[in-house]
Protein backbone atom coordinates (compact mmCIF):
# COMPACT_ATOMS: atom_id res chain seq x y z
CA MET A 1 43.02 14.03 14.79
CA ARG A 2 45.33 14.06 11.78
CA ILE A 3 43.18 11.37 10.14
CA LYS A 4 39.99 13.29 10.92
CA PHE A 5 41.46 16.42 9.34
CA LEU A 6 42.44 14.54 6.21
CA LEU A 7 38.88 13.29 5.87
CA THR A 8 37.59 16.84 6.28
CA LEU A 9 40.09 18.05 3.71
CA ILE A 10 38.94 15.40 1.23
CA ILE A 11 35.33 16.55 1.61
CA ILE A 12 36.09 20.26 1.44
CA THR A 13 38.50 19.97 -1.47
CA SER A 14 36.45 17.49 -3.50
CA GLY A 15 36.53 18.65 -7.08
CA TYR A 16 39.54 20.85 -6.27
CA SER A 17 41.62 19.80 -9.26
CA ALA A 18 38.73 20.60 -11.59
CA MET A 19 38.37 24.15 -10.23
CA ALA A 20 42.09 24.89 -9.63
CA GLN A 21 42.19 27.67 -12.19
CA PHE A 22 44.52 30.60 -11.65
CA LYS A 23 44.35 34.28 -12.46
CA TRP A 24 48.01 35.20 -12.56
CA PRO A 25 48.99 38.90 -12.47
CA GLU A 26 50.02 40.40 -15.79
CA GLN A 27 53.06 42.26 -14.40
CA PRO A 28 56.12 39.93 -14.48
CA GLU A 29 57.29 40.80 -10.97
CA GLU A 30 53.84 40.33 -9.45
CA ARG A 31 53.32 37.15 -11.43
CA SER A 32 56.63 35.73 -10.16
CA ASP A 33 55.73 36.74 -6.60
CA ALA A 34 52.29 35.12 -6.84
CA GLN A 35 53.71 31.91 -8.31
CA THR A 36 56.37 31.71 -5.63
CA LYS A 37 53.91 32.29 -2.79
CA TRP A 38 51.45 29.79 -4.23
CA THR A 39 54.17 27.15 -4.53
CA LEU A 40 55.25 27.73 -0.94
CA PHE A 41 51.66 27.66 0.26
CA SER A 42 50.80 24.52 -1.68
CA ASP A 43 53.97 22.66 -0.70
CA THR A 44 53.72 23.42 3.01
CA GLU A 45 50.02 22.51 3.01
CA LYS A 46 50.67 19.21 1.29
CA ALA A 47 53.53 18.46 3.72
CA GLY A 48 51.19 19.01 6.66
CA ASN A 49 53.08 22.08 7.87
CA TYR A 50 49.90 24.06 8.42
CA ASP A 51 51.37 26.81 10.58
CA ALA A 52 53.77 27.75 7.80
CA ALA A 53 51.02 27.40 5.22
CA LYS A 54 48.90 29.92 7.14
CA GLY A 55 51.55 32.61 6.68
CA HIS A 56 51.69 32.08 2.93
CA LEU A 57 47.89 31.93 2.82
CA ALA A 58 47.63 35.31 4.57
CA TYR A 59 50.04 36.86 2.08
CA ILE A 60 48.12 35.52 -0.93
CA LEU A 61 44.79 36.71 0.50
CA GLU A 62 46.18 40.19 1.07
CA HIS A 63 48.00 40.62 -2.23
CA PHE A 64 46.28 38.22 -4.64
CA PRO A 65 42.74 37.56 -3.30
CA ASP A 66 41.42 36.55 -6.71
CA LEU A 67 44.34 34.25 -7.59
CA SER A 68 42.27 31.04 -7.34
CA GLU A 69 39.19 29.73 -5.57
CA SER A 70 41.33 26.83 -4.40
CA THR A 71 43.09 29.31 -2.08
CA TYR A 72 39.89 29.48 -0.05
CA ILE A 73 39.13 25.78 -0.28
CA LYS A 74 42.54 24.84 1.11
CA GLY A 75 42.48 27.71 3.60
CA ILE A 76 39.13 26.63 5.04
CA ALA A 77 40.39 23.07 5.44
CA ILE A 78 43.57 24.22 7.19
CA TRP A 79 41.78 26.47 9.67
CA ASP A 80 39.12 23.83 10.28
CA GLU A 81 41.95 21.53 11.35
CA SER A 82 43.10 24.22 13.76
CA TRP A 83 39.62 24.32 15.27
CA GLU A 84 39.58 20.53 15.63
CA ASN A 85 42.95 20.51 17.39
CA GLY A 86 42.68 23.79 19.28
CA LYS A 87 43.92 23.37 22.84
CA THR A 88 42.18 26.42 24.28
CA GLU A 89 38.82 28.04 23.75
CA ALA A 90 40.57 31.15 22.48
CA GLU A 91 42.39 29.12 19.81
CA LYS A 92 39.18 27.40 18.74
CA GLU A 93 37.26 30.68 18.60
CA ALA A 94 39.96 32.29 16.47
CA ALA A 95 40.04 29.33 14.08
CA ALA A 96 36.23 29.29 13.77
CA ALA A 97 36.14 33.01 13.05
CA LYS A 98 38.84 32.56 10.42
CA VAL A 99 36.90 29.78 8.66
CA MET A 100 33.77 31.92 8.57
CA SER A 101 35.68 34.88 7.17
CA LEU A 102 37.26 32.68 4.49
CA TYR A 103 33.81 31.52 3.43
CA GLU A 104 32.60 35.12 3.21
CA MET A 105 35.69 36.18 1.25
CA ARG A 106 35.23 33.22 -1.10
CA PHE A 107 31.59 34.11 -1.76
CA LYS A 108 32.46 37.77 -2.32
CA MET A 109 35.24 36.89 -4.75
CA TYR A 110 33.37 33.99 -6.41
CA PRO A 111 29.62 34.72 -5.99
CA GLU A 112 28.57 31.75 -8.14
CA SER A 113 30.05 29.34 -5.58
CA LYS A 114 27.78 30.53 -2.77
CA LYS A 115 24.75 28.53 -3.86
CA GLU A 116 26.68 25.25 -3.81
CA ASN A 117 28.73 25.90 -0.68
CA ILE A 118 26.54 27.88 1.71
CA GLY A 119 25.39 24.59 3.24
CA ARG A 120 28.99 23.64 4.02
CA GLN A 121 29.46 26.94 5.78
CA ALA A 122 26.25 26.46 7.76
CA ILE A 123 27.20 22.98 8.95
CA SER A 124 30.72 24.14 9.86
CA ALA A 125 29.21 27.05 11.80
CA TYR A 126 26.92 24.62 13.61
CA ARG A 127 29.91 22.56 14.72
CA TYR A 128 31.72 25.64 15.95
CA PHE A 129 28.95 27.67 17.56
CA ILE A 130 26.05 25.44 18.59
CA LYS A 131 27.02 25.62 22.28
CA ASP A 132 27.24 29.41 22.18
CA ALA A 133 23.77 30.83 22.88
CA SER A 134 24.78 34.23 21.52
CA LYS A 135 25.37 32.66 18.09
CA THR A 136 21.95 30.98 17.85
CA GLN A 137 20.32 33.64 15.65
CA TYR A 138 23.41 33.75 13.45
CA LEU A 139 23.09 29.99 12.87
CA LEU A 140 19.36 30.22 12.18
CA ASP A 141 19.94 32.97 9.62
CA LEU A 142 22.68 30.92 7.98
CA PHE A 143 20.48 27.83 7.69
CA LYS A 144 17.58 29.91 6.40
CA LEU A 145 19.84 31.31 3.69
CA THR A 146 21.06 27.79 2.92
CA TYR A 147 17.52 26.64 2.16
CA GLU A 148 16.79 29.78 0.15
CA LEU A 149 19.81 29.15 -2.08
CA GLU A 150 20.06 25.35 -2.19
CA GLY A 151 16.40 24.41 -1.80
CA ASN A 152 15.81 20.68 -1.43
CA GLU A 153 18.95 19.77 -3.34
CA GLY A 154 21.23 20.55 -0.40
CA PHE A 155 22.96 17.93 1.74
CA TYR A 156 20.26 15.73 3.25
CA SER A 157 21.38 16.12 6.88
CA THR A 158 21.09 19.93 6.83
CA GLY A 159 17.60 19.66 8.29
CA ARG A 160 18.92 17.83 11.35
CA TYR A 161 21.19 20.75 12.24
CA TYR A 162 18.60 23.40 11.37
CA MET A 163 15.92 21.75 13.51
CA GLN A 164 18.29 21.26 16.44
CA THR A 165 19.29 24.91 16.24
CA ALA A 166 15.65 25.99 16.12
CA VAL A 167 14.80 23.91 19.18
CA LEU A 168 17.73 25.40 21.09
CA GLY A 169 16.65 28.85 19.96
CA TYR A 170 13.18 28.17 21.33
CA THR A 171 14.44 26.91 24.68
CA ARG A 172 17.00 29.75 24.88
CA ASP A 173 14.11 32.18 24.48
CA ILE A 174 15.60 34.24 21.65
CA GLY A 175 12.14 35.26 20.46
CA LEU A 176 11.17 32.41 18.17
CA THR A 177 7.39 32.02 17.86
CA ASP A 178 5.52 28.73 17.63
CA GLU A 179 4.73 29.51 14.00
CA GLN A 180 8.42 30.09 13.18
CA ILE A 181 9.38 26.77 14.75
CA LEU A 182 6.67 25.03 12.74
CA ASP A 183 7.79 26.73 9.53
CA ILE A 184 11.35 25.48 10.11
CA TYR A 185 10.03 22.01 10.83
CA ASN A 186 8.01 22.05 7.61
CA LYS A 187 11.03 23.15 5.59
CA CYS A 188 13.23 20.43 7.08
CA THR A 189 10.55 17.80 6.54
CA GLU A 190 9.93 18.82 2.95
CA HIS A 191 13.69 18.62 2.32
CA ILE A 192 14.25 15.18 3.81
CA ASP A 193 11.09 13.76 2.19
CA TYR A 194 12.40 14.99 -1.16
CA GLN A 195 15.81 13.43 -0.55
CA ILE A 196 14.27 10.10 0.51
CA LYS A 197 12.08 9.97 -2.58
CA LYS A 198 15.06 10.85 -4.77
CA ALA A 199 17.19 8.11 -3.20
CA LYS A 200 14.45 5.53 -3.64
CA SER A 201 14.08 6.43 -7.31
CA GLN A 202 17.80 5.69 -7.68
CA ASN A 203 17.55 2.42 -5.70
CA LYS A 204 19.77 3.83 -2.95
CA SER A 205 19.53 3.14 0.77
CA THR A 206 17.52 5.69 2.76
CA LYS A 207 18.54 4.43 6.20
CA SER A 208 20.55 7.52 7.18
CA MET A 209 17.90 9.81 5.68
CA ASP A 210 15.14 8.03 7.60
CA ALA A 211 17.15 8.68 10.77
CA VAL A 212 17.22 12.41 10.00
CA LYS A 213 13.46 12.42 9.43
CA GLU A 214 12.88 10.60 12.72
CA PHE A 215 15.17 13.06 14.52
CA VAL A 216 13.34 16.11 13.13
CA ASP A 217 9.93 14.65 14.04
CA GLU A 218 11.10 13.78 17.54
CA LYS A 219 12.50 17.26 18.17
CA LEU A 220 9.20 18.89 17.28
CA ALA A 221 7.20 16.39 19.33
CA ASN A 222 9.36 17.07 22.40
CA LEU A 223 8.43 20.76 22.33
CA ASN A 224 4.73 19.93 22.76
CA LEU A 225 3.76 22.90 20.62
CA ILE A 226 0.96 21.25 18.69
CA ASP A 227 -2.28 19.93 20.02
CA CYS A 228 -5.77 19.73 18.62
CA ALA A 229 -6.72 23.06 20.17
CA PHE A 230 -3.81 24.79 18.40
CA ILE A 231 -4.86 23.35 15.04
CA ILE A 232 -8.55 24.19 15.50
CA GLU A 233 -7.87 27.70 16.77
CA LYS A 234 -5.09 28.83 14.45
CA LEU A 235 -5.11 26.71 11.32
CA VAL A 236 -8.58 25.36 10.60
CA PRO A 237 -10.19 28.83 10.17
CA GLN A 238 -7.48 29.74 7.64
CA PHE A 239 -8.07 26.50 5.77
CA LYS A 240 -11.83 26.94 5.67
CA ALA A 241 -11.29 30.40 4.21
CA ASN A 242 -8.94 29.02 1.57
CA PRO A 243 -9.56 25.26 1.11
CA LYS A 244 -7.34 25.12 -1.99
CA ASP A 245 -4.22 26.12 -0.04
CA GLY A 246 -2.25 22.89 -0.42
CA GLU A 247 0.61 23.98 1.83
CA LEU A 248 -1.74 24.86 4.69
CA ALA A 249 -3.67 21.63 4.17
CA ASN A 250 -0.43 19.68 4.43
CA LYS A 251 0.45 21.41 7.70
CA ILE A 252 -2.96 20.58 9.16
CA PHE A 253 -2.70 16.99 7.99
CA VAL A 254 0.77 16.43 9.47
CA TYR A 255 0.04 18.18 12.77
CA ALA A 256 -3.33 16.54 13.23
CA TYR A 257 -1.94 13.13 12.42
CA ASP A 258 0.88 13.56 14.94
CA GLY A 259 -1.53 14.98 17.50
CA GLY A 260 -4.17 12.30 17.11
CA CYS A 261 -6.86 14.65 15.77
CA THR A 262 -7.83 12.48 12.81
CA ASP A 263 -11.52 12.00 13.56
CA ALA A 264 -12.62 15.54 12.72
CA GLU A 265 -14.29 16.39 9.43
CA TRP A 266 -11.77 19.16 8.79
CA PHE A 267 -8.98 16.58 8.93
CA LEU A 268 -10.57 14.60 6.12
CA ASP A 269 -11.01 17.79 4.10
CA ALA A 270 -7.35 18.66 4.64
CA ALA A 271 -6.27 15.16 3.67
CA LYS A 272 -8.27 15.37 0.44
CA ALA A 273 -6.70 18.73 -0.36
CA VAL A 274 -3.24 17.26 0.24
CA LEU A 275 -4.06 14.36 -2.04
CA GLU A 276 -5.05 16.76 -4.78
CA THR A 277 -1.96 18.96 -4.57
CA LYS A 278 0.66 16.46 -3.41
CA PRO A 279 -0.48 12.87 -4.08
CA GLN A 280 0.86 10.48 -1.45
CA TYR A 281 0.13 6.80 -0.94
CA GLY A 282 -0.10 7.18 2.83
CA VAL A 283 -2.70 9.93 2.61
CA ALA A 284 -4.89 8.00 0.18
CA ASN A 285 -4.55 4.88 2.31
CA LEU A 286 -5.51 6.77 5.47
CA LEU A 287 -8.58 8.30 3.85
CA ALA A 288 -9.65 4.89 2.58
CA SER A 289 -9.20 3.21 5.96
CA THR A 290 -11.17 6.01 7.62
CA TYR A 291 -14.11 5.37 5.31
CA VAL A 292 -13.83 1.61 5.98
CA LYS A 293 -14.33 2.30 9.69
CA GLU A 294 -17.46 4.24 8.80
CA LYS A 295 -18.53 1.33 6.54
CA ASP A 296 -18.66 3.75 3.64
CA TYR A 297 -17.24 1.26 1.15
CA VAL A 298 -17.99 3.39 -1.89
CA ASN A 299 -15.59 6.14 -0.79
CA ALA A 300 -13.18 3.62 0.72
CA LYS A 301 -12.79 1.95 -2.70
CA ILE A 302 -12.27 5.33 -4.37
CA TYR A 303 -9.33 6.15 -2.14
CA TYR A 304 -7.84 2.66 -2.15
CA ASN A 305 -7.88 2.87 -5.94
CA LYS A 306 -6.10 6.23 -5.69
CA ALA A 307 -3.56 4.61 -3.40
CA ILE A 308 -2.98 1.91 -6.03
CA GLU A 309 -2.38 4.59 -8.68
CA ILE A 310 0.10 6.44 -6.47
CA ALA A 311 1.93 3.41 -5.03
CA GLU A 312 5.59 3.30 -5.99
CA ASP A 313 6.08 -0.41 -5.36
CA ASN A 314 4.04 -3.59 -5.70
CA THR A 315 3.98 -4.23 -1.97
CA ASP A 316 2.02 -1.06 -1.28
CA LYS A 317 -0.11 -1.63 -4.34
CA GLY A 318 -0.92 -5.16 -3.17
CA LYS A 319 -1.91 -3.94 0.29
CA ALA A 320 -4.46 -1.52 -1.16
CA MET A 321 -5.83 -4.11 -3.60
CA LYS A 322 -6.23 -6.58 -0.76
CA GLN A 323 -8.42 -4.12 1.14
CA ILE A 324 -10.71 -3.74 -1.88
CA VAL A 325 -10.95 -7.54 -2.09
CA LEU A 326 -12.04 -7.70 1.54
CA MET A 327 -14.71 -5.05 0.98
CA GLU A 328 -16.07 -6.80 -2.10
CA ARG A 329 -16.39 -9.95 -0.02
CA LEU A 330 -18.15 -8.11 2.81
CA GLU A 331 -20.64 -6.71 0.31
CA GLY A 332 -21.29 -10.18 -1.07
CA ASN A 333 -19.64 -9.50 -4.42
CA LYS A 334 -17.86 -12.83 -4.43
CA ALA A 335 -17.09 -13.07 -8.13
CA GLU A 336 -15.57 -9.60 -8.11
CA ALA A 337 -13.64 -10.39 -4.93
CA ARG A 338 -12.21 -13.52 -6.56
CA LYS A 339 -11.19 -11.64 -9.70
CA LEU A 340 -9.44 -8.94 -7.70
CA ALA A 341 -7.83 -11.46 -5.36
CA ILE A 342 -6.20 -13.24 -8.30
CA ALA A 343 -5.05 -9.87 -9.70
CA THR A 344 -3.61 -8.99 -6.29
CA VAL A 345 -1.49 -12.14 -6.31
CA GLU A 346 -0.14 -11.19 -9.73
CA ILE A 347 0.92 -7.81 -8.32
CA ASP A 348 2.33 -9.12 -5.04
CA PRO A 349 3.01 -12.88 -4.94
CA THR A 350 3.66 -12.74 -1.19
CA LEU A 351 -0.13 -12.46 -0.76
CA LYS A 352 -0.70 -15.73 -2.60
CA GLU A 353 -1.69 -17.88 0.37
CA GLU A 354 -3.90 -15.20 1.91
CA MET A 355 -5.77 -14.43 -1.30
CA TYR A 356 -6.30 -18.01 -2.45
CA THR A 357 -7.36 -18.98 1.07
CA LEU A 358 -9.90 -16.15 0.98
CA ILE A 359 -11.28 -17.46 -2.34
CA GLY A 360 -11.41 -20.97 -0.95
CA ASP A 361 -13.31 -19.75 2.10
CA MET A 362 -15.87 -17.94 -0.06
CA VAL A 363 -16.43 -21.10 -2.10
CA MET A 364 -16.71 -23.30 1.01
CA GLN A 365 -19.29 -20.97 2.53
CA SER A 366 -21.41 -20.54 -0.61
CA THR A 367 -24.48 -22.44 0.56
CA GLU A 368 -26.54 -20.19 -1.70
CA CYS A 369 -25.10 -22.12 -4.64
CA ASP A 370 -26.54 -25.47 -3.47
CA GLN A 371 -29.40 -26.64 -5.68
CA GLN A 372 -30.27 -29.46 -3.23
CA LYS A 373 -30.99 -31.84 -6.09
CA SER A 374 -27.74 -33.76 -6.14
CA GLN A 375 -25.34 -34.36 -3.24
CA VAL A 376 -22.52 -34.88 -5.71
CA ASP A 377 -23.17 -31.65 -7.60
CA ASP A 378 -23.58 -29.61 -4.42
CA ARG A 379 -20.45 -31.07 -2.85
CA ALA A 380 -18.40 -30.38 -5.98
CA LYS A 381 -17.86 -26.84 -4.66
CA PHE A 382 -15.60 -28.36 -2.00
CA ILE A 383 -13.38 -29.72 -4.78
CA VAL A 384 -13.17 -26.16 -6.18
CA ALA A 385 -12.27 -24.85 -2.71
CA TYR A 386 -9.67 -27.61 -2.31
CA GLU A 387 -7.98 -26.53 -5.53
CA TYR A 388 -7.80 -22.90 -4.40
CA TYR A 389 -6.42 -23.87 -0.99
CA THR A 390 -3.84 -26.09 -2.66
CA LYS A 391 -2.84 -23.32 -5.06
CA GLY A 392 -2.30 -21.04 -2.09
CA GLY A 393 -0.30 -23.64 -0.18
CA ASN A 394 -2.77 -23.89 2.71
CA GLN A 395 -2.60 -27.61 3.39
CA LEU A 396 -4.71 -27.51 6.56
CA LYS A 397 -7.71 -25.95 4.86
CA ALA A 398 -7.16 -28.11 1.78
CA SER A 399 -7.56 -31.23 3.94
CA GLN A 400 -10.67 -29.75 5.57
CA ALA A 401 -12.19 -29.14 2.12
CA LYS A 402 -11.24 -32.65 1.01
CA ALA A 403 -13.12 -34.11 3.94
CA GLN A 404 -16.30 -32.60 2.43
CA PHE A 405 -15.92 -34.24 -1.00
CA PRO A 406 -18.77 -36.49 -2.13
CA SER A 407 -18.66 -40.02 -0.69
CA GLY A 408 -18.08 -43.03 -2.87
CA GLY A 409 -21.63 -44.15 -2.14
CA GLU A 410 -23.11 -40.83 -3.27
CA ILE A 411 -21.14 -40.97 -6.49
CA PHE A 412 -22.22 -44.57 -7.18
CA THR A 413 -25.87 -43.91 -6.30
CA GLU A 414 -26.04 -41.01 -8.75
CA GLY A 415 -24.51 -43.13 -11.50
CA LYS A 416 -21.36 -41.07 -11.76
CA GLU A 417 -17.70 -42.05 -11.79
CA LEU A 418 -14.47 -40.63 -10.44
CA GLY A 419 -12.89 -38.29 -12.95
CA ASP A 420 -16.20 -37.18 -14.42
CA SER A 421 -16.46 -33.46 -15.14
CA VAL A 422 -18.77 -31.57 -12.81
CA THR A 423 -19.62 -27.91 -13.30
CA VAL A 424 -20.30 -25.76 -10.27
CA GLY A 425 -22.64 -22.95 -11.24
CA CYS A 426 -23.77 -19.88 -9.34
CA TRP A 427 -21.02 -17.25 -9.02
CA ILE A 428 -18.34 -19.94 -8.90
CA GLN A 429 -18.68 -21.08 -12.51
CA GLN A 430 -15.93 -23.72 -12.54
CA THR A 431 -15.66 -27.28 -13.83
CA VAL A 432 -13.71 -29.83 -11.80
CA LYS A 433 -12.89 -33.55 -11.99
CA LEU A 434 -14.97 -35.61 -9.60
CA GLN A 435 -13.14 -36.88 -6.50
CA LYS A 436 -14.31 -38.67 -3.35
CA ARG A 437 -13.61 -38.24 0.33
CA PRO A 438 -10.27 -39.67 1.57
CA GLU A 439 -11.86 -42.09 3.99
CA GLN A 440 -13.63 -43.83 1.11
CA GLN A 441 -10.40 -44.61 -0.71
């Protein structure tokens, strides 16, 4: 427990030396008294004699409450240790109450520190009181104040504790409404999404943050508050009355997505509103894929292109570009599909085999390009396909294309020679060196 306390002390007193400024009394006797008591307090605290340190702490708080903010920082750490090591419930309750009072005294004496430290108080309170049903509203109020003061810049795990407290409050029947639970969920989600995005922009791991997000989502899902009927009855009418309300649109989008209500027209309208006010790759991608299912390729391309604009990394960008390539192929726009496929590979090289194989397949299947005047000229498209397959590393399809090369007899009959340049027209528009089928070699 000693080690655990030291870790807590390190966290609580981080930056202590920078803020250890003192306001010594002007009267010589009082100044001497304050200096003596501070020395005794500091020395006993550093020596690990916390019981003795508490006595000196109490004296300083009574006689010199504005001596230094470090008085409260050290005092909170000492009493937190008492809570950790309390042998009885009475001891733990007294220690917890003392820590909370020290926080309140600190904020009263140093108001500017409240914004940066209210989250620490809230998380400490959670540790102390979460099992006490009578303290549930107190915790909720403390977390609400934390978000009001710290916003999304607070410690990333705050949302985990806030959401857990809200769920307990709901099950303890303290009067929380469905809407209040959802508001807390939205606040926690907005916070952790912000922290994840911030970490990614700094190339930091988001593993622990992702776990918090998953926890918050799971807690809401377990309450079974949201279903399609809830959304349609309570939220959709509000949205139709004010379709530019981005916050409401985001709620509808998230709840409907989690609840499986994504086929309704109002869901698409909400998703579009979210995209306008809070551009997100996932939203654009979902809209695009929805239009693909409806075979509305015009709108699907619009939203995949939006997804490409929003994408924060080349992997996501490549995924969206690939979908546009597939649609261009389905619509018979082979030249455009080829151009975009090559561009996709430049963005995300991991798609190289898939994209070049797709081009090779289009070339192989382009019977519309056969002029049926020369076997050699018509079969030259298989040489083009072979080169694309080879470039993509697809050896199986490359060998299949090679088996369709012109035969030696066809080349001889038409008065041509191996190595001659042959241009394949139509949409393919490529010149290749004449080769013959393997079995003729």
